[in-house]
Amino acid sequence: MDVVASWQIAKRVVCERFQTWEISVKDNKAEVKATDGNNTTIAKQKIEYTDFPLRSAKLYLVNDGRYRVLMLPSEY
């Protein structure tokens, strides 16, 4: 969630009303990728070390201009 929050000040990210965020983990390293929901990458970040327990996870962020809500796919 820190990565998602830290990218919300980037112009190409904050203007997107709907965002998908995916983390992929391999050998205690991770890559986080954000898209606009249409497979256009709007942010990408590598993490040199993580103890995140899953191989991958996906989150959705909805921004209505006033509030941002981060959800699991089952909550959307």
PDB file of N, CA and C in Angstrom:
ATOM      1  N   MET A   1       0.814  -1.184   0.000  1.00  0.00           N
ATOM      2  CA  MET A   1       0.000   0.000   0.000  1.00  0.00           C
ATOM      3  C   MET A   1       0.862   1.253   0.000  1.00  0.00           C
ATOM      4  N   ASP A   2       2.061   1.156   0.561  1.00  0.00           N
ATOM      5  CA  ASP A   2       2.951   2.320   0.538  1.00  0.00           C
ATOM      6  C   ASP A   2       3.306   2.707  -0.895  1.00  0.00           C
ATOM      7  N   VAL A   3       3.566   1.720  -1.728  1.00  0.00           N
ATOM      8  CA  VAL A   3       3.908   2.002  -3.127  1.00  0.00           C
ATOM      9  C   VAL A   3       2.732   2.670  -3.836  1.00  0.00           C
ATOM     10  N   VAL A   4       1.547   2.145  -3.652  1.00  0.00           N
ATOM     11  CA  VAL A   4       0.352   2.720  -4.282  1.00  0.00           C
ATOM     12  C   VAL A   4       0.177   4.170  -3.827  1.00  0.00           C
ATOM     13  N   ALA A   5       0.255   4.407  -2.539  1.00  0.00           N
ATOM     14  CA  ALA A   5       0.070   5.758  -2.006  1.00  0.00           C
ATOM     15  C   ALA A   5       1.145   6.720  -2.512  1.00  0.00           C
ATOM     16  N   SER A   6       2.384   6.256  -2.572  1.00  0.00           N
ATOM     17  CA  SER A   6       3.471   7.148  -2.977  1.00  0.00           C
ATOM     18  C   SER A   6       3.362   7.583  -4.437  1.00  0.00           C
ATOM     19  N   TRP A   7       2.724   6.786  -5.282  1.00  0.00           N
ATOM     20  CA  TRP A   7       2.566   7.137  -6.692  1.00  0.00           C
ATOM     21  C   TRP A   7       1.388   8.070  -6.951  1.00  0.00           C
ATOM     22  N   GLN A   8       0.546   8.313  -5.974  1.00  0.00           N
ATOM     23  CA  GLN A   8      -0.654   9.125  -6.193  1.00  0.00           C
ATOM     24  C   GLN A   8      -0.364  10.604  -6.411  1.00  0.00           C
ATOM     25  N   ILE A   9       0.878  11.038  -6.277  1.00  0.00           N
ATOM     26  CA  ILE A   9       1.223  12.422  -6.586  1.00  0.00           C
ATOM     27  C   ILE A   9       1.764  12.587  -8.005  1.00  0.00           C
ATOM     28  N   ALA A  10       2.059  11.488  -8.687  1.00  0.00           N
ATOM     29  CA  ALA A  10       2.557  11.556 -10.061  1.00  0.00           C
ATOM     30  C   ALA A  10       1.403  11.934 -10.999  1.00  0.00           C
ATOM     31  N   LYS A  11       1.637  12.907 -11.874  1.00  0.00           N
ATOM     32  CA  LYS A  11       0.576  13.405 -12.757  1.00  0.00           C
ATOM     33  C   LYS A  11      -0.066  12.315 -13.593  1.00  0.00           C
ATOM     34  N   ARG A  12       0.732  11.412 -14.128  1.00  0.00           N
ATOM     35  CA  ARG A  12       0.175  10.371 -15.005  1.00  0.00           C
ATOM     36  C   ARG A  12      -0.640   9.331 -14.233  1.00  0.00           C
ATOM     37  N   VAL A  13      -0.482   9.304 -12.917  1.00  0.00           N
ATOM     38  CA  VAL A  13      -1.219   8.354 -12.077  1.00  0.00           C
ATOM     39  C   VAL A  13      -2.462   9.003 -11.475  1.00  0.00           C
ATOM     40  N   VAL A  14      -2.299  10.151 -10.872  1.00  0.00           N
ATOM     41  CA  VAL A  14      -3.395  10.796 -10.148  1.00  0.00           C
ATOM     42  C   VAL A  14      -4.568  11.157 -11.050  1.00  0.00           C
ATOM     43  N   CYS A  15      -4.337  11.373 -12.322  1.00  0.00           N
ATOM     44  CA  CYS A  15      -5.419  11.735 -13.238  1.00  0.00           C
ATOM     45  C   CYS A  15      -6.299  10.544 -13.625  1.00  0.00           C
ATOM     46  N   GLU A  16      -5.837   9.325 -13.327  1.00  0.00           N
ATOM     47  CA  GLU A  16      -6.612   8.133 -13.667  1.00  0.00           C
ATOM     48  C   GLU A  16      -7.656   7.849 -12.588  1.00  0.00           C
ATOM     49  N   ARG A  17      -8.900   7.789 -12.997  1.00  0.00           N
ATOM     50  CA  ARG A  17     -10.000   7.533 -12.057  1.00  0.00           C
ATOM     51  C   ARG A  17     -10.039   6.068 -11.614  1.00  0.00           C
ATOM     52  N   PHE A  18      -9.556   5.167 -12.477  1.00  0.00           N
ATOM     53  CA  PHE A  18      -9.514   3.742 -12.153  1.00  0.00           C
ATOM     54  C   PHE A  18      -8.101   3.251 -12.406  1.00  0.00           C
ATOM     55  N   GLN A  19      -7.531   2.554 -11.420  1.00  0.00           N
ATOM     56  CA  GLN A  19      -6.171   2.042 -11.530  1.00  0.00           C
ATOM     57  C   GLN A  19      -6.131   0.586 -11.081  1.00  0.00           C
ATOM     58  N   THR A  20      -5.330  -0.208 -11.765  1.00  0.00           N
ATOM     59  CA  THR A  20      -5.045  -1.561 -11.281  1.00  0.00           C
ATOM     60  C   THR A  20      -3.597  -1.573 -10.811  1.00  0.00           C
ATOM     61  N   TRP A  21      -3.353  -2.248  -9.705  1.00  0.00           N
ATOM     62  CA  TRP A  21      -2.017  -2.362  -9.138  1.00  0.00           C
ATOM     63  C   TRP A  21      -1.714  -3.835  -8.932  1.00  0.00           C
ATOM     64  N   GLU A  22      -0.592  -4.298  -9.501  1.00  0.00           N
ATOM     65  CA  GLU A  22      -0.204  -5.705  -9.381  1.00  0.00           C
ATOM     66  C   GLU A  22       1.203  -5.806  -8.831  1.00  0.00           C
ATOM     67  N   ILE A  23       1.391  -6.721  -7.897  1.00  0.00           N
ATOM     68  CA  ILE A  23       2.720  -7.023  -7.382  1.00  0.00           C
ATOM     69  C   ILE A  23       3.056  -8.457  -7.777  1.00  0.00           C
ATOM     70  N   SER A  24       4.263  -8.637  -8.286  1.00  0.00           N
ATOM     71  CA  SER A  24       4.779  -9.965  -8.641  1.00  0.00           C
ATOM     72  C   SER A  24       6.063 -10.172  -7.847  1.00  0.00           C
ATOM     73  N   VAL A  25       6.152 -11.315  -7.170  1.00  0.00           N
ATOM     74  CA  VAL A  25       7.294 -11.593  -6.299  1.00  0.00           C
ATOM     75  C   VAL A  25       8.020 -12.837  -6.770  1.00  0.00           C
ATOM     76  N   LYS A  26       9.349 -12.735  -6.817  1.00  0.00           N
ATOM     77  CA  LYS A  26      10.188 -13.889  -7.150  1.00  0.00           C
ATOM     78  C   LYS A  26      11.532 -13.698  -6.442  1.00  0.00           C
ATOM     79  N   ASP A  27      11.950 -14.725  -5.720  1.00  0.00           N
ATOM     80  CA  ASP A  27      13.240 -14.710  -5.019  1.00  0.00           C
ATOM     81  C   ASP A  27      13.394 -13.491  -4.101  1.00  0.00           C
ATOM     82  N   ASN A  28      12.357 -13.176  -3.364  1.00  0.00           N
ATOM     83  CA  ASN A  28      12.342 -12.057  -2.425  1.00  0.00           C
ATOM     84  C   ASN A  28      12.555 -10.691  -3.078  1.00  0.00           C
ATOM     85  N   LYS A  29      12.336 -10.610  -4.380  1.00  0.00           N
ATOM     86  CA  LYS A  29      12.334  -9.337  -5.107  1.00  0.00           C
ATOM     87  C   LYS A  29      10.948  -9.168  -5.699  1.00  0.00           C
ATOM     88  N   ALA A  30      10.554  -7.928  -5.891  1.00  0.00           N
ATOM     89  CA  ALA A  30       9.202  -7.686  -6.398  1.00  0.00           C
ATOM     90  C   ALA A  30       9.211  -6.621  -7.473  1.00  0.00           C
ATOM     91  N   GLU A  31       8.168  -6.677  -8.289  1.00  0.00           N
ATOM     92  CA  GLU A  31       7.897  -5.612  -9.241  1.00  0.00           C
ATOM     93  C   GLU A  31       6.439  -5.221  -9.066  1.00  0.00           C
ATOM     94  N   VAL A  32       6.207  -3.941  -8.969  1.00  0.00           N
ATOM     95  CA  VAL A  32       4.859  -3.417  -8.844  1.00  0.00           C
ATOM     96  C   VAL A  32       4.551  -2.659 -10.123  1.00  0.00           C
ATOM     97  N   LYS A  33       3.390  -2.942 -10.700  1.00  0.00           N
ATOM     98  CA  LYS A  33       2.994  -2.305 -11.954  1.00  0.00           C
ATOM     99  C   LYS A  33       1.579  -1.776 -11.812  1.00  0.00           C
ATOM    100  N   ALA A  34       1.368  -0.557 -12.282  1.00  0.00           N
ATOM    101  CA  ALA A  34       0.038   0.047 -12.272  1.00  0.00           C
ATOM    102  C   ALA A  34      -0.408   0.286 -13.702  1.00  0.00           C
ATOM    103  N   THR A  35      -1.701   0.054 -13.951  1.00  0.00           N
ATOM    104  CA  THR A  35      -2.264   0.349 -15.263  1.00  0.00           C
ATOM    105  C   THR A  35      -3.514   1.205 -15.087  1.00  0.00           C
ATOM    106  N   ASP A  36      -3.984   1.716 -16.211  1.00  0.00           N
ATOM    107  CA  ASP A  36      -5.195   2.531 -16.208  1.00  0.00           C
ATOM    108  C   ASP A  36      -6.458   1.683 -16.333  1.00  0.00           C
ATOM    109  N   GLY A  37      -6.330   0.384 -16.208  1.00  0.00           N
ATOM    110  CA  GLY A  37      -7.465  -0.520 -16.360  1.00  0.00           C
ATOM    111  C   GLY A  37      -7.621  -1.021 -17.778  1.00  0.00           C
ATOM    112  N   ASN A  38      -6.908  -0.404 -18.715  1.00  0.00           N
ATOM    113  CA  ASN A  38      -6.939  -0.814 -20.118  1.00  0.00           C
ATOM    114  C   ASN A  38      -5.566  -1.286 -20.585  1.00  0.00           C
ATOM    115  N   ASN A  39      -4.782  -1.815 -19.657  1.00  0.00           N
ATOM    116  CA  ASN A  39      -3.444  -2.361 -19.922  1.00  0.00           C
ATOM    117  C   ASN A  39      -2.413  -1.335 -20.354  1.00  0.00           C
ATOM    118  N   THR A  40      -2.672  -0.055 -20.137  1.00  0.00           N
ATOM    119  CA  THR A  40      -1.662   0.974 -20.370  1.00  0.00           C
ATOM    120  C   THR A  40      -0.932   1.211 -19.052  1.00  0.00           C
ATOM    121  N   THR A  41       0.365   0.958 -19.042  1.00  0.00           N
ATOM    122  CA  THR A  41       1.151   1.110 -17.821  1.00  0.00           C
ATOM    123  C   THR A  41       1.284   2.586 -17.468  1.00  0.00           C
ATOM    124  N   ILE A  42       0.953   2.910 -16.231  1.00  0.00           N
ATOM    125  CA  ILE A  42       1.083   4.293 -15.763  1.00  0.00           C
ATOM    126  C   ILE A  42       2.160   4.432 -14.686  1.00  0.00           C
ATOM    127  N   ALA A  43       2.606   3.322 -14.115  1.00  0.00           N
ATOM    128  CA  ALA A  43       3.682   3.345 -13.120  1.00  0.00           C
ATOM    129  C   ALA A  43       4.278   1.953 -12.997  1.00  0.00           C
ATOM    130  N   LYS A  44       5.548   1.920 -12.674  1.00  0.00           N
ATOM    131  CA  LYS A  44       6.251   0.648 -12.476  1.00  0.00           C
ATOM    132  C   LYS A  44       7.368   0.889 -11.479  1.00  0.00           C
ATOM    133  N   GLN A  45       7.537  -0.043 -10.550  1.00  0.00           N
ATOM    134  CA  GLN A  45       8.589   0.094  -9.551  1.00  0.00           C
ATOM    135  C   GLN A  45       9.132  -1.272  -9.170  1.00  0.00           C
ATOM    136  N   LYS A  46      10.461  -1.355  -9.068  1.00  0.00           N
ATOM    137  CA  LYS A  46      11.108  -2.578  -8.603  1.00  0.00           C
ATOM    138  C   LYS A  46      11.425  -2.428  -7.125  1.00  0.00           C
ATOM    139  N   ILE A  47      11.286  -3.529  -6.411  1.00  0.00           N
ATOM    140  CA  ILE A  47      11.588  -3.570  -4.982  1.00  0.00           C
ATOM    141  C   ILE A  47      12.680  -4.618  -4.792  1.00  0.00           C
ATOM    142  N   GLU A  48      13.818  -4.192  -4.271  1.00  0.00           N
ATOM    143  CA  GLU A  48      14.985  -5.064  -4.170  1.00  0.00           C
ATOM    144  C   GLU A  48      14.820  -6.188  -3.155  1.00  0.00           C
ATOM    145  N   TYR A  49      14.059  -5.953  -2.110  1.00  0.00           N
ATOM    146  CA  TYR A  49      13.810  -7.012  -1.127  1.00  0.00           C
ATOM    147  C   TYR A  49      12.397  -6.878  -0.586  1.00  0.00           C
ATOM    148  N   THR A  50      11.717  -8.013  -0.484  1.00  0.00           N
ATOM    149  CA  THR A  50      10.406  -8.053   0.144  1.00  0.00           C
ATOM    150  C   THR A  50      10.199  -9.397   0.828  1.00  0.00           C
ATOM    151  N   ASP A  51       9.390  -9.381   1.875  1.00  0.00           N
ATOM    152  CA  ASP A  51       8.973 -10.632   2.500  1.00  0.00           C
ATOM    153  C   ASP A  51       7.461 -10.819   2.292  1.00  0.00           C
ATOM    154  N   PHE A  52       6.938 -10.159   1.267  1.00  0.00           N
ATOM    155  CA  PHE A  52       5.518 -10.303   0.934  1.00  0.00           C
ATOM    156  C   PHE A  52       5.223 -11.789   0.731  1.00  0.00           C
ATOM    157  N   PRO A  53       4.203 -12.339   1.392  1.00  0.00           N
ATOM    158  CA  PRO A  53       4.013 -13.791   1.429  1.00  0.00           C
ATOM    159  C   PRO A  53       3.407 -14.428   0.164  1.00  0.00           C
ATOM    160  N   LEU A  54       2.859 -13.636  -0.743  1.00  0.00           N
ATOM    161  CA  LEU A  54       2.230 -14.198  -1.947  1.00  0.00           C
ATOM    162  C   LEU A  54       3.122 -13.996  -3.164  1.00  0.00           C
ATOM    163  N   ARG A  55       2.938 -14.840  -4.179  1.00  0.00           N
ATOM    164  CA  ARG A  55       3.682 -14.659  -5.432  1.00  0.00           C
ATOM    165  C   ARG A  55       3.174 -13.463  -6.219  1.00  0.00           C
ATOM    166  N   SER A  56       1.886 -13.206  -6.091  1.00  0.00           N
ATOM    167  CA  SER A  56       1.306 -12.058  -6.784  1.00  0.00           C
ATOM    168  C   SER A  56       0.033 -11.631  -6.087  1.00  0.00           C
ATOM    169  N   ALA A  57      -0.331 -10.392  -6.337  1.00  0.00           N
ATOM    170  CA  ALA A  57      -1.579  -9.853  -5.801  1.00  0.00           C
ATOM    171  C   ALA A  57      -2.007  -8.703  -6.699  1.00  0.00           C
ATOM    172  N   LYS A  58      -3.303  -8.457  -6.718  1.00  0.00           N
ATOM    173  CA  LYS A  58      -3.851  -7.390  -7.545  1.00  0.00           C
ATOM    174  C   LYS A  58      -4.809  -6.557  -6.702  1.00  0.00           C
ATOM    175  N   LEU A  59      -4.751  -5.249  -6.886  1.00  0.00           N
ATOM    176  CA  LEU A  59      -5.636  -4.323  -6.197  1.00  0.00           C
ATOM    177  C   LEU A  59      -6.218  -3.348  -7.212  1.00  0.00           C
ATOM    178  N   TYR A  60      -7.388  -2.843  -6.901  1.00  0.00           N
ATOM    179  CA  TYR A  60      -8.018  -1.810  -7.724  1.00  0.00           C
ATOM    180  C   TYR A  60      -8.113  -0.537  -6.905  1.00  0.00           C
ATOM    181  N   LEU A  61      -7.821   0.584  -7.540  1.00  0.00           N
ATOM    182  CA  LEU A  61      -7.985   1.870  -6.896  1.00  0.00           C
ATOM    183  C   LEU A  61      -8.988   2.687  -7.701  1.00  0.00           C
ATOM    184  N   VAL A  62      -9.995   3.207  -7.015  1.00  0.00           N
ATOM    185  CA  VAL A  62     -10.991   4.071  -7.652  1.00  0.00           C
ATOM    186  C   VAL A  62     -10.847   5.454  -7.037  1.00  0.00           C
ATOM    187  N   ASN A  63     -10.727   6.462  -7.898  1.00  0.00           N
ATOM    188  CA  ASN A  63     -10.532   7.839  -7.480  1.00  0.00           C
ATOM    189  C   ASN A  63     -11.696   8.660  -8.020  1.00  0.00           C
ATOM    190  N   ASP A  64     -12.560   9.160  -7.132  1.00  0.00           N
ATOM    191  CA  ASP A  64     -13.712   9.953  -7.592  1.00  0.00           C
ATOM    192  C   ASP A  64     -13.422  11.449  -7.605  1.00  0.00           C
ATOM    193  N   GLY A  65     -12.168  11.818  -7.418  1.00  0.00           N
ATOM    194  CA  GLY A  65     -11.792  13.213  -7.401  1.00  0.00           C
ATOM    195  C   GLY A  65     -11.705  13.772  -5.987  1.00  0.00           C
ATOM    196  N   ARG A  66     -12.419  13.168  -5.084  1.00  0.00           N
ATOM    197  CA  ARG A  66     -12.379  13.585  -3.684  1.00  0.00           C
ATOM    198  C   ARG A  66     -11.790  12.491  -2.795  1.00  0.00           C
ATOM    199  N   TYR A  67     -12.215  11.274  -3.035  1.00  0.00           N
ATOM    200  CA  TYR A  67     -11.755  10.131  -2.250  1.00  0.00           C
ATOM    201  C   TYR A  67     -11.103   9.094  -3.149  1.00  0.00           C
ATOM    202  N   ARG A  68     -10.170   8.343  -2.568  1.00  0.00           N
ATOM    203  CA  ARG A  68      -9.571   7.207  -3.242  1.00  0.00           C
ATOM    204  C   ARG A  68      -9.854   5.974  -2.397  1.00  0.00           C
ATOM    205  N   VAL A  69     -10.305   4.907  -3.052  1.00  0.00           N
ATOM    206  CA  VAL A  69     -10.607   3.668  -2.351  1.00  0.00           C
ATOM    207  C   VAL A  69      -9.786   2.558  -3.000  1.00  0.00           C
ATOM    208  N   LEU A  70      -9.014   1.841  -2.198  1.00  0.00           N
ATOM    209  CA  LEU A  70      -8.198   0.727  -2.656  1.00  0.00           C
ATOM    210  C   LEU A  70      -8.905  -0.566  -2.270  1.00  0.00           C
ATOM    211  N   MET A  71      -9.132  -1.431  -3.264  1.00  0.00           N
ATOM    212  CA  MET A  71      -9.932  -2.639  -3.031  1.00  0.00           C
ATOM    213  C   MET A  71      -9.271  -3.890  -3.581  1.00  0.00           C
ATOM    214  N   LEU A  72      -9.615  -5.010  -2.986  1.00  0.00           N
ATOM    215  CA  LEU A  72      -9.311  -6.306  -3.572  1.00  0.00           C
ATOM    216  C   LEU A  72     -10.270  -6.526  -4.744  1.00  0.00           C
ATOM    217  N   PRO A  73      -9.885  -7.329  -5.731  1.00  0.00           N
ATOM    218  CA  PRO A  73     -10.791  -7.579  -6.859  1.00  0.00           C
ATOM    219  C   PRO A  73     -12.169  -8.093  -6.409  1.00  0.00           C
ATOM    220  N   SER A  74     -12.229  -8.865  -5.350  1.00  0.00           N
ATOM    221  CA  SER A  74     -13.517  -9.388  -4.876  1.00  0.00           C
ATOM    222  C   SER A  74     -14.400  -8.293  -4.275  1.00  0.00           C
ATOM    223  N   GLU A  75     -13.837  -7.143  -3.971  1.00  0.00           N
ATOM    224  CA  GLU A  75     -14.609  -6.049  -3.397  1.00  0.00           C
ATOM    225  C   GLU A  75     -15.123  -5.069  -4.440  1.00  0.00           C
ATOM    226  N   TYR A  76     -14.637  -5.190  -5.663  1.00  0.00           N
ATOM    227  CA  TYR A  76     -15.000  -4.235  -6.705  1.00  0.00           C
ATOM    228  C   TYR A  76     -16.335  -4.572  -7.318  1.00  0.00           C
TER     229      TYR A  76
END
